[in-house]
């Protein structure tokens, strides 16, 4: 996993997790443009400047967003990520 950018899609990156050696649990699936997508390289939890909640961005190896989910708070985003991928180590990359 390369170093995450400070922002993704103009949202400030708060935490990231490397998925390079992680297998999905199969408990959910992501569909983009009518096709199931999988094989994400990393996750990023980010917040838009005027946003209330946070987004869980599912990214490729260059931090390009493939899909996302919205959550009321960081704990909710982490819970969703762990539901999908099992126990993860999120790294805090912000001063928040």
PDB file of N, CA and C in Angstrom:
ATOM      1  N   UNK A   1       0.854  -1.178   0.000  1.00  0.00           N
ATOM      2  CA  UNK A   1       0.000   0.000   0.000  1.00  0.00           C
ATOM      3  C   UNK A   1       0.894   1.232   0.000  1.00  0.00           C
ATOM      4  N   UNK A   2       0.635   2.145  -0.917  1.00  0.00           N
ATOM      5  CA  UNK A   2       1.376   3.392  -0.942  1.00  0.00           C
ATOM      6  C   UNK A   2       0.833   4.332   0.128  1.00  0.00           C
ATOM      7  N   UNK A   3       1.595   5.363   0.406  1.00  0.00           N
ATOM      8  CA  UNK A   3       1.161   6.350   1.408  1.00  0.00           C
ATOM      9  C   UNK A   3      -0.160   6.971   0.966  1.00  0.00           C
ATOM     10  N   UNK A   4      -1.126   7.045   1.883  1.00  0.00           N
ATOM     11  CA  UNK A   4      -2.423   7.611   1.496  1.00  0.00           C
ATOM     12  C   UNK A   4      -2.320   9.125   1.293  1.00  0.00           C
ATOM     13  N   UNK A   5      -3.149   9.652   0.420  1.00  0.00           N
ATOM     14  CA  UNK A   5      -3.186  11.100   0.237  1.00  0.00           C
ATOM     15  C   UNK A   5      -3.888  11.754   1.430  1.00  0.00           C
ATOM     16  N   UNK A   6      -3.688  13.050   1.648  1.00  0.00           N
ATOM     17  CA  UNK A   6      -4.380  13.720   2.753  1.00  0.00           C
ATOM     18  C   UNK A   6      -5.892  13.835   2.529  1.00  0.00           C
ATOM     19  N   UNK A   7      -6.293  13.783   1.255  1.00  0.00           N
ATOM     20  CA  UNK A   7      -7.719  13.876   0.926  1.00  0.00           C
ATOM     21  C   UNK A   7      -8.025  12.945  -0.240  1.00  0.00           C
ATOM     22  N   UNK A   8      -9.220  12.407  -0.218  1.00  0.00           N
ATOM     23  CA  UNK A   8      -9.744  11.600  -1.314  1.00  0.00           C
ATOM     24  C   UNK A   8     -11.083  12.204  -1.684  1.00  0.00           C
ATOM     25  N   UNK A   9     -11.248  12.557  -2.960  1.00  0.00           N
ATOM     26  CA  UNK A   9     -12.495  13.178  -3.426  1.00  0.00           C
ATOM     27  C   UNK A   9     -12.855  14.400  -2.584  1.00  0.00           C
ATOM     28  N   UNK A  10     -11.848  15.162  -2.197  1.00  0.00           N
ATOM     29  CA  UNK A  10     -11.999  16.377  -1.380  1.00  0.00           C
ATOM     30  C   UNK A  10     -12.468  16.102   0.052  1.00  0.00           C
ATOM     31  N   UNK A  11     -12.417  14.871   0.487  1.00  0.00           N
ATOM     32  CA  UNK A  11     -12.747  14.523   1.869  1.00  0.00           C
ATOM     33  C   UNK A  11     -11.440  14.232   2.605  1.00  0.00           C
ATOM     34  N   UNK A  12     -11.294  14.748   3.822  1.00  0.00           N
ATOM     35  CA  UNK A  12     -10.079  14.563   4.606  1.00  0.00           C
ATOM     36  C   UNK A  12      -9.974  13.119   5.083  1.00  0.00           C
ATOM     37  N   UNK A  13      -8.854  12.486   4.775  1.00  0.00           N
ATOM     38  CA  UNK A  13      -8.626  11.100   5.185  1.00  0.00           C
ATOM     39  C   UNK A  13      -8.280  11.076   6.676  1.00  0.00           C
ATOM     40  N   UNK A  14      -8.998  10.249   7.419  1.00  0.00           N
ATOM     41  CA  UNK A  14      -8.824  10.141   8.860  1.00  0.00           C
ATOM     42  C   UNK A  14      -8.090   8.860   9.264  1.00  0.00           C
ATOM     43  N   UNK A  15      -8.493   7.742   8.685  1.00  0.00           N
ATOM     44  CA  UNK A  15      -7.901   6.441   9.001  1.00  0.00           C
ATOM     45  C   UNK A  15      -7.824   5.608   7.737  1.00  0.00           C
ATOM     46  N   UNK A  16      -6.849   4.709   7.695  1.00  0.00           N
ATOM     47  CA  UNK A  16      -6.700   3.812   6.549  1.00  0.00           C
ATOM     48  C   UNK A  16      -6.387   2.397   7.032  1.00  0.00           C
ATOM     49  N   UNK A  17      -6.714   1.422   6.188  1.00  0.00           N
ATOM     50  CA  UNK A  17      -6.400   0.016   6.460  1.00  0.00           C
ATOM     51  C   UNK A  17      -5.915  -0.635   5.171  1.00  0.00           C
ATOM     52  N   UNK A  18      -4.857  -1.408   5.276  1.00  0.00           N
ATOM     53  CA  UNK A  18      -4.277  -2.145   4.158  1.00  0.00           C
ATOM     54  C   UNK A  18      -5.007  -3.482   4.033  1.00  0.00           C
ATOM     55  N   UNK A  19      -5.456  -3.803   2.830  1.00  0.00           N
ATOM     56  CA  UNK A  19      -6.172  -5.062   2.599  1.00  0.00           C
ATOM     57  C   UNK A  19      -5.346  -6.068   1.804  1.00  0.00           C
ATOM     58  N   UNK A  20      -4.059  -5.811   1.634  1.00  0.00           N
ATOM     59  CA  UNK A  20      -3.246  -6.634   0.737  1.00  0.00           C
ATOM     60  C   UNK A  20      -3.209  -8.114   1.116  1.00  0.00           C
ATOM     61  N   UNK A  21      -3.286  -8.455   2.370  1.00  0.00           N
ATOM     62  CA  UNK A  21      -3.278  -9.862   2.777  1.00  0.00           C
ATOM     63  C   UNK A  21      -4.589 -10.277   3.442  1.00  0.00           C
ATOM     64  N   UNK A  22      -5.651  -9.581   3.121  1.00  0.00           N
ATOM     65  CA  UNK A  22      -6.949  -9.810   3.757  1.00  0.00           C
ATOM     66  C   UNK A  22      -7.933 -10.373   2.736  1.00  0.00           C
ATOM     67  N   UNK A  23      -8.656 -11.389   3.118  1.00  0.00           N
ATOM     68  CA  UNK A  23      -9.716 -11.942   2.277  1.00  0.00           C
ATOM     69  C   UNK A  23     -11.061 -11.438   2.784  1.00  0.00           C
ATOM     70  N   UNK A  24     -11.917 -11.082   1.870  1.00  0.00           N
ATOM     71  CA  UNK A  24     -13.268 -10.646   2.238  1.00  0.00           C
ATOM     72  C   UNK A  24     -14.032 -11.808   2.865  1.00  0.00           C
ATOM     73  N   UNK A  25     -14.933 -11.474   3.791  1.00  0.00           N
ATOM     74  CA  UNK A  25     -15.730 -12.502   4.466  1.00  0.00           C
ATOM     75  C   UNK A  25     -16.819 -13.073   3.564  1.00  0.00           C
ATOM     76  N   UNK A  26     -17.183 -12.338   2.523  1.00  0.00           N
ATOM     77  CA  UNK A  26     -18.261 -12.774   1.646  1.00  0.00           C
ATOM     78  C   UNK A  26     -19.636 -12.421   2.175  1.00  0.00           C
ATOM     79  N   UNK A  27     -19.688 -11.639   3.262  1.00  0.00           N
ATOM     80  CA  UNK A  27     -20.969 -11.281   3.881  1.00  0.00           C
ATOM     81  C   UNK A  27     -21.687 -10.147   3.157  1.00  0.00           C
ATOM     82  N   UNK A  28     -20.989  -9.498   2.244  1.00  0.00           N
ATOM     83  CA  UNK A  28     -21.606  -8.429   1.463  1.00  0.00           C
ATOM     84  C   UNK A  28     -20.945  -8.386   0.099  1.00  0.00           C
ATOM     85  N   UNK A  29     -21.561  -7.665  -0.825  1.00  0.00           N
ATOM     86  CA  UNK A  29     -20.952  -7.478  -2.135  1.00  0.00           C
ATOM     87  C   UNK A  29     -21.201  -6.056  -2.593  1.00  0.00           C
ATOM     88  N   UNK A  30     -20.299  -5.572  -3.425  1.00  0.00           N
ATOM     89  CA  UNK A  30     -20.406  -4.213  -3.961  1.00  0.00           C
ATOM     90  C   UNK A  30     -20.678  -4.306  -5.451  1.00  0.00           C
ATOM     91  N   UNK A  31     -21.656  -3.538  -5.896  1.00  0.00           N
ATOM     92  CA  UNK A  31     -22.035  -3.536  -7.301  1.00  0.00           C
ATOM     93  C   UNK A  31     -21.860  -2.116  -7.838  1.00  0.00           C
ATOM     94  N   UNK A  32     -21.080  -1.991  -8.896  1.00  0.00           N
ATOM     95  CA  UNK A  32     -20.838  -0.701  -9.547  1.00  0.00           C
ATOM     96  C   UNK A  32     -21.158  -0.870 -11.027  1.00  0.00           C
ATOM     97  N   UNK A  33     -22.063  -0.053 -11.519  1.00  0.00           N
ATOM     98  CA  UNK A  33     -22.435  -0.145 -12.929  1.00  0.00           C
ATOM     99  C   UNK A  33     -22.994  -1.502 -13.309  1.00  0.00           C
ATOM    100  N   UNK A  34     -23.694  -2.147 -12.374  1.00  0.00           N
ATOM    101  CA  UNK A  34     -24.303  -3.435 -12.637  1.00  0.00           C
ATOM    102  C   UNK A  34     -23.361  -4.629 -12.507  1.00  0.00           C
ATOM    103  N   UNK A  35     -22.089  -4.358 -12.156  1.00  0.00           N
ATOM    104  CA  UNK A  35     -21.113  -5.444 -12.017  1.00  0.00           C
ATOM    105  C   UNK A  35     -20.630  -5.546 -10.575  1.00  0.00           C
ATOM    106  N   UNK A  36     -20.453  -6.760 -10.097  1.00  0.00           N
ATOM    107  CA  UNK A  36     -19.897  -6.979  -8.772  1.00  0.00           C
ATOM    108  C   UNK A  36     -18.406  -6.633  -8.827  1.00  0.00           C
ATOM    109  N   UNK A  37     -17.949  -5.812  -7.868  1.00  0.00           N
ATOM    110  CA  UNK A  37     -16.534  -5.455  -7.785  1.00  0.00           C
ATOM    111  C   UNK A  37     -15.962  -6.004  -6.487  1.00  0.00           C
ATOM    112  N   UNK A  38     -14.700  -6.407  -6.550  1.00  0.00           N
ATOM    113  CA  UNK A  38     -14.020  -6.952  -5.376  1.00  0.00           C
ATOM    114  C   UNK A  38     -12.527  -6.765  -5.568  1.00  0.00           C
ATOM    115  N   UNK A  39     -11.739  -7.235  -4.624  1.00  0.00           N
ATOM    116  CA  UNK A  39     -10.296  -7.131  -4.745  1.00  0.00           C
ATOM    117  C   UNK A  39      -9.761  -5.752  -4.399  1.00  0.00           C
ATOM    118  N   UNK A  40     -10.344  -5.102  -3.419  1.00  0.00           N
ATOM    119  CA  UNK A  40      -9.889  -3.776  -3.003  1.00  0.00           C
ATOM    120  C   UNK A  40      -8.507  -3.870  -2.365  1.00  0.00           C
ATOM    121  N   UNK A  41      -7.684  -2.840  -2.551  1.00  0.00           N
ATOM    122  CA  UNK A  41      -6.326  -2.823  -1.992  1.00  0.00           C
ATOM    123  C   UNK A  41      -6.283  -2.189  -0.607  1.00  0.00           C
ATOM    124  N   UNK A  42      -7.166  -1.225  -0.367  1.00  0.00           N
ATOM    125  CA  UNK A  42      -7.124  -0.486   0.901  1.00  0.00           C
ATOM    126  C   UNK A  42      -8.481   0.142   1.176  1.00  0.00           C
ATOM    127  N   UNK A  43      -8.674   0.503   2.436  1.00  0.00           N
ATOM    128  CA  UNK A  43      -9.860   1.241   2.864  1.00  0.00           C
ATOM    129  C   UNK A  43      -9.420   2.565   3.452  1.00  0.00           C
ATOM    130  N   UNK A  44     -10.231   3.587   3.258  1.00  0.00           N
ATOM    131  CA  UNK A  44      -9.977   4.889   3.871  1.00  0.00           C
ATOM    132  C   UNK A  44     -11.272   5.399   4.473  1.00  0.00           C
ATOM    133  N   UNK A  45     -11.185   5.892   5.697  1.00  0.00           N
ATOM    134  CA  UNK A  45     -12.320   6.559   6.331  1.00  0.00           C
ATOM    135  C   UNK A  45     -12.044   8.045   6.215  1.00  0.00           C
ATOM    136  N   UNK A  46     -12.994   8.770   5.646  1.00  0.00           N
ATOM    137  CA  UNK A  46     -12.771  10.188   5.368  1.00  0.00           C
ATOM    138  C   UNK A  46     -14.031  10.998   5.656  1.00  0.00           C
ATOM    139  N   UNK A  47     -13.817  12.295   5.898  1.00  0.00           N
ATOM    140  CA  UNK A  47     -14.941  13.197   6.202  1.00  0.00           C
ATOM    141  C   UNK A  47     -14.846  14.444   5.321  1.00  0.00           C
ATOM    142  N   UNK A  48     -15.972  14.793   4.735  1.00  0.00           N
ATOM    143  CA  UNK A  48     -16.058  16.051   3.982  1.00  0.00           C
ATOM    144  C   UNK A  48     -16.138  17.208   4.967  1.00  0.00           C
ATOM    145  N   UNK A  49     -15.608  18.344   4.570  1.00  0.00           N
ATOM    146  CA  UNK A  49     -15.507  19.504   5.465  1.00  0.00           C
ATOM    147  C   UNK A  49     -16.832  19.860   6.125  1.00  0.00           C
ATOM    148  N   UNK A  50     -17.893  19.857   5.399  1.00  0.00           N
ATOM    149  CA  UNK A  50     -19.199  20.243   5.949  1.00  0.00           C
ATOM    150  C   UNK A  50     -20.070  19.036   6.268  1.00  0.00           C
ATOM    151  N   UNK A  51     -19.463  17.868   6.279  1.00  0.00           N
ATOM    152  CA  UNK A  51     -20.228  16.644   6.490  1.00  0.00           C
ATOM    153  C   UNK A  51     -20.404  16.299   7.951  1.00  0.00           C
ATOM    154  N   UNK A  52     -21.488  15.640   8.244  1.00  0.00           N
ATOM    155  CA  UNK A  52     -21.775  15.171   9.597  1.00  0.00           C
ATOM    156  C   UNK A  52     -21.118  13.822   9.849  1.00  0.00           C
ATOM    157  N   UNK A  53     -21.275  12.891   8.927  1.00  0.00           N
ATOM    158  CA  UNK A  53     -20.769  11.538   9.084  1.00  0.00           C
ATOM    159  C   UNK A  53     -19.447  11.352   8.358  1.00  0.00           C
ATOM    160  N   UNK A  54     -19.141  10.089   8.079  1.00  0.00           N
ATOM    161  CA  UNK A  54     -17.904   9.744   7.384  1.00  0.00           C
ATOM    162  C   UNK A  54     -18.213   8.767   6.252  1.00  0.00           C
ATOM    163  N   UNK A  55     -17.282   8.687   5.323  1.00  0.00           N
ATOM    164  CA  UNK A  55     -17.370   7.731   4.228  1.00  0.00           C
ATOM    165  C   UNK A  55     -16.283   6.685   4.390  1.00  0.00           C
ATOM    166  N   UNK A  56     -16.641   5.450   4.107  1.00  0.00           N
ATOM    167  CA  UNK A  56     -15.683   4.366   4.020  1.00  0.00           C
ATOM    168  C   UNK A  56     -15.424   4.168   2.536  1.00  0.00           C
ATOM    169  N   UNK A  57     -14.238   4.580   2.098  1.00  0.00           N
ATOM    170  CA  UNK A  57     -13.866   4.464   0.690  1.00  0.00           C
ATOM    171  C   UNK A  57     -13.131   3.145   0.470  1.00  0.00           C
ATOM    172  N   UNK A  58     -13.556   2.404  -0.538  1.00  0.00           N
ATOM    173  CA  UNK A  58     -12.928   1.150  -0.948  1.00  0.00           C
ATOM    174  C   UNK A  58     -12.055   1.513  -2.140  1.00  0.00           C
ATOM    175  N   UNK A  59     -10.732   1.385  -1.979  1.00  0.00           N
ATOM    176  CA  UNK A  59      -9.788   1.942  -2.945  1.00  0.00           C
ATOM    177  C   UNK A  59      -8.924   0.888  -3.620  1.00  0.00           C
ATOM    178  N   UNK A  60      -8.371   1.282  -4.784  1.00  0.00           N
ATOM    179  CA  UNK A  60      -7.369   0.449  -5.438  1.00  0.00           C
ATOM    180  C   UNK A  60      -5.997   0.807  -4.866  1.00  0.00           C
ATOM    181  N   UNK A  61      -4.943   0.259  -5.414  1.00  0.00           N
ATOM    182  CA  UNK A  61      -3.596   0.455  -4.877  1.00  0.00           C
ATOM    183  C   UNK A  61      -3.092   1.890  -4.996  1.00  0.00           C
ATOM    184  N   UNK A  62      -3.695   2.689  -5.862  1.00  0.00           N
ATOM    185  CA  UNK A  62      -3.301   4.098  -6.021  1.00  0.00           C
ATOM    186  C   UNK A  62      -4.278   5.048  -5.331  1.00  0.00           C
ATOM    187  N   UNK A  63      -5.118   4.519  -4.457  1.00  0.00           N
ATOM    188  CA  UNK A  63      -6.105   5.279  -3.682  1.00  0.00           C
ATOM    189  C   UNK A  63      -7.230   5.859  -4.539  1.00  0.00           C
ATOM    190  N   UNK A  64      -7.460   5.267  -5.701  1.00  0.00           N
ATOM    191  CA  UNK A  64      -8.619   5.645  -6.507  1.00  0.00           C
ATOM    192  C   UNK A  64      -9.837   4.946  -5.907  1.00  0.00           C
ATOM    193  N   UNK A  65     -10.904   5.693  -5.683  1.00  0.00           N
ATOM    194  CA  UNK A  65     -12.115   5.138  -5.070  1.00  0.00           C
ATOM    195  C   UNK A  65     -12.856   4.271  -6.085  1.00  0.00           C
ATOM    196  N   UNK A  66     -13.154   3.051  -5.660  1.00  0.00           N
ATOM    197  CA  UNK A  66     -13.929   2.131  -6.485  1.00  0.00           C
ATOM    198  C   UNK A  66     -15.399   2.201  -6.092  1.00  0.00           C
ATOM    199  N   UNK A  67     -15.653   2.279  -4.782  1.00  0.00           N
ATOM    200  CA  UNK A  67     -17.006   2.409  -4.251  1.00  0.00           C
ATOM    201  C   UNK A  67     -16.897   2.969  -2.832  1.00  0.00           C
ATOM    202  N   UNK A  68     -18.029   3.257  -2.208  1.00  0.00           N
ATOM    203  CA  UNK A  68     -18.007   3.793  -0.847  1.00  0.00           C
ATOM    204  C   UNK A  68     -19.301   3.476  -0.118  1.00  0.00           C
ATOM    205  N   UNK A  69     -19.251   3.646   1.196  1.00  0.00           N
ATOM    206  CA  UNK A  69     -20.446   3.554   2.026  1.00  0.00           C
ATOM    207  C   UNK A  69     -20.420   4.730   3.005  1.00  0.00           C
ATOM    208  N   UNK A  70     -21.590   5.186   3.404  1.00  0.00           N
ATOM    209  CA  UNK A  70     -21.717   6.310   4.341  1.00  0.00           C
ATOM    210  C   UNK A  70     -22.043   5.776   5.733  1.00  0.00           C
ATOM    211  N   UNK A  71     -21.453   6.426   6.761  1.00  0.00           N
ATOM    212  CA  UNK A  71     -21.696   6.024   8.148  1.00  0.00           C
ATOM    213  C   UNK A  71     -21.813   7.259   9.033  1.00  0.00           C
ATOM    214  N   UNK A  72     -22.575   7.143  10.103  1.00  0.00           N
ATOM    215  CA  UNK A  72     -22.779   8.266  11.013  1.00  0.00           C
ATOM    216  C   UNK A  72     -21.510   8.668  11.746  1.00  0.00           C
ATOM    217  N   UNK A  73     -20.612   7.697  11.979  1.00  0.00           N
ATOM    218  CA  UNK A  73     -19.383   8.000  12.713  1.00  0.00           C
ATOM    219  C   UNK A  73     -18.287   7.001  12.359  1.00  0.00           C
ATOM    220  N   UNK A  74     -17.090   7.246  12.868  1.00  0.00           N
ATOM    221  CA  UNK A  74     -15.940   6.384  12.577  1.00  0.00           C
ATOM    222  C   UNK A  74     -16.180   4.964  13.075  1.00  0.00           C
ATOM    223  N   UNK A  75     -16.751   4.830  14.267  1.00  0.00           N
ATOM    224  CA  UNK A  75     -17.014   3.485  14.806  1.00  0.00           C
ATOM    225  C   UNK A  75     -17.918   2.677  13.877  1.00  0.00           C
ATOM    226  N   UNK A  76     -18.904   3.328  13.296  1.00  0.00           N
ATOM    227  CA  UNK A  76     -19.796   2.644  12.358  1.00  0.00           C
ATOM    228  C   UNK A  76     -19.071   2.209  11.095  1.00  0.00           C
ATOM    229  N   UNK A  77     -18.169   3.047  10.605  1.00  0.00           N
ATOM    230  CA  UNK A  77     -17.389   2.699   9.416  1.00  0.00           C
ATOM    231  C   UNK A  77     -16.453   1.530   9.706  1.00  0.00           C
ATOM    232  N   UNK A  78     -15.807   1.551  10.869  1.00  0.00           N
ATOM    233  CA  UNK A  78     -14.915   0.452  11.262  1.00  0.00           C
ATOM    234  C   UNK A  78     -15.719  -0.841  11.406  1.00  0.00           C
ATOM    235  N   UNK A  79     -16.890  -0.762  12.018  1.00  0.00           N
ATOM    236  CA  UNK A  79     -17.729  -1.952  12.190  1.00  0.00           C
ATOM    237  C   UNK A  79     -18.115  -2.542  10.835  1.00  0.00           C
ATOM    238  N   UNK A  80     -18.463  -1.693   9.881  1.00  0.00           N
ATOM    239  CA  UNK A  80     -18.808  -2.175   8.543  1.00  0.00           C
ATOM    240  C   UNK A  80     -17.611  -2.844   7.882  1.00  0.00           C
ATOM    241  N   UNK A  81     -16.449  -2.209   7.977  1.00  0.00           N
ATOM    242  CA  UNK A  81     -15.233  -2.763   7.381  1.00  0.00           C
ATOM    243  C   UNK A  81     -14.911  -4.130   7.977  1.00  0.00           C
ATOM    244  N   UNK A  82     -15.057  -4.267   9.293  1.00  0.00           N
ATOM    245  CA  UNK A  82     -14.744  -5.540   9.946  1.00  0.00           C
ATOM    246  C   UNK A  82     -15.805  -6.601   9.657  1.00  0.00           C
ATOM    247  N   UNK A  83     -17.030  -6.188   9.416  1.00  0.00           N
ATOM    248  CA  UNK A  83     -18.065  -7.123   8.976  1.00  0.00           C
ATOM    249  C   UNK A  83     -17.678  -7.722   7.627  1.00  0.00           C
ATOM    250  N   UNK A  84     -17.106  -6.885   6.772  1.00  0.00           N
ATOM    251  CA  UNK A  84     -16.761  -7.315   5.416  1.00  0.00           C
ATOM    252  C   UNK A  84     -15.413  -8.022   5.305  1.00  0.00           C
ATOM    253  N   UNK A  85     -14.458  -7.669   6.180  1.00  0.00           N
ATOM    254  CA  UNK A  85     -13.092  -8.174   6.025  1.00  0.00           C
ATOM    255  C   UNK A  85     -12.509  -8.817   7.285  1.00  0.00           C
ATOM    256  N   UNK A  86     -13.261  -8.887   8.371  1.00  0.00           N
ATOM    257  CA  UNK A  86     -12.730  -9.415   9.616  1.00  0.00           C
ATOM    258  C   UNK A  86     -11.943  -8.340  10.352  1.00  0.00           C
ATOM    259  N   UNK A  87     -11.230  -8.758  11.363  1.00  0.00           N
ATOM    260  CA  UNK A  87     -10.470  -7.807  12.188  1.00  0.00           C
ATOM    261  C   UNK A  87      -9.429  -7.078  11.342  1.00  0.00           C
ATOM    262  N   UNK A  88      -9.464  -5.747  11.395  1.00  0.00           N
ATOM    263  CA  UNK A  88      -8.535  -4.910  10.619  1.00  0.00           C
ATOM    264  C   UNK A  88      -7.766  -3.969  11.528  1.00  0.00           C
ATOM    265  N   UNK A  89      -6.604  -3.571  11.071  1.00  0.00           N
ATOM    266  CA  UNK A  89      -5.829  -2.557  11.785  1.00  0.00           C
ATOM    267  C   UNK A  89      -5.943  -1.255  11.007  1.00  0.00           C
ATOM    268  N   UNK A  90      -6.718  -0.325  11.555  1.00  0.00           N
ATOM    269  CA  UNK A  90      -6.824   0.991  10.948  1.00  0.00           C
ATOM    270  C   UNK A  90      -5.733   1.885  11.544  1.00  0.00           C
ATOM    271  N   UNK A  91      -5.082   2.634  10.692  1.00  0.00           N
ATOM    272  CA  UNK A  91      -4.041   3.576  11.105  1.00  0.00           C
ATOM    273  C   UNK A  91      -4.603   4.987  11.044  1.00  0.00           C
ATOM    274  N   UNK A  92      -4.478   5.723  12.142  1.00  0.00           N
ATOM    275  CA  UNK A  92      -4.927   7.117  12.202  1.00  0.00           C
ATOM    276  C   UNK A  92      -3.924   7.976  11.444  1.00  0.00           C
ATOM    277  N   UNK A  93      -4.390   8.666  10.413  1.00  0.00           N
ATOM    278  CA  UNK A  93      -3.492   9.493   9.596  1.00  0.00           C
ATOM    279  C   UNK A  93      -3.866  10.978   9.669  1.00  0.00           C
ATOM    280  N   UNK A  94      -4.670  11.332  10.648  1.00  0.00           N
ATOM    281  CA  UNK A  94      -5.074  12.741  10.798  1.00  0.00           C
ATOM    282  C   UNK A  94      -4.710  13.222  12.191  1.00  0.00           C
ATOM    283  N   UNK A  95      -4.896  14.505  12.376  1.00  0.00           N
ATOM    284  CA  UNK A  95      -4.673  15.083  13.708  1.00  0.00           C
ATOM    285  C   UNK A  95      -5.993  15.262  14.440  1.00  0.00           C
ATOM    286  N   UNK A  96      -7.075  14.697  13.896  1.00  0.00           N
ATOM    287  CA  UNK A  96      -8.415  14.860  14.467  1.00  0.00           C
ATOM    288  C   UNK A  96      -8.617  13.936  15.633  1.00  0.00           C
TER     289      UNK A  96
END
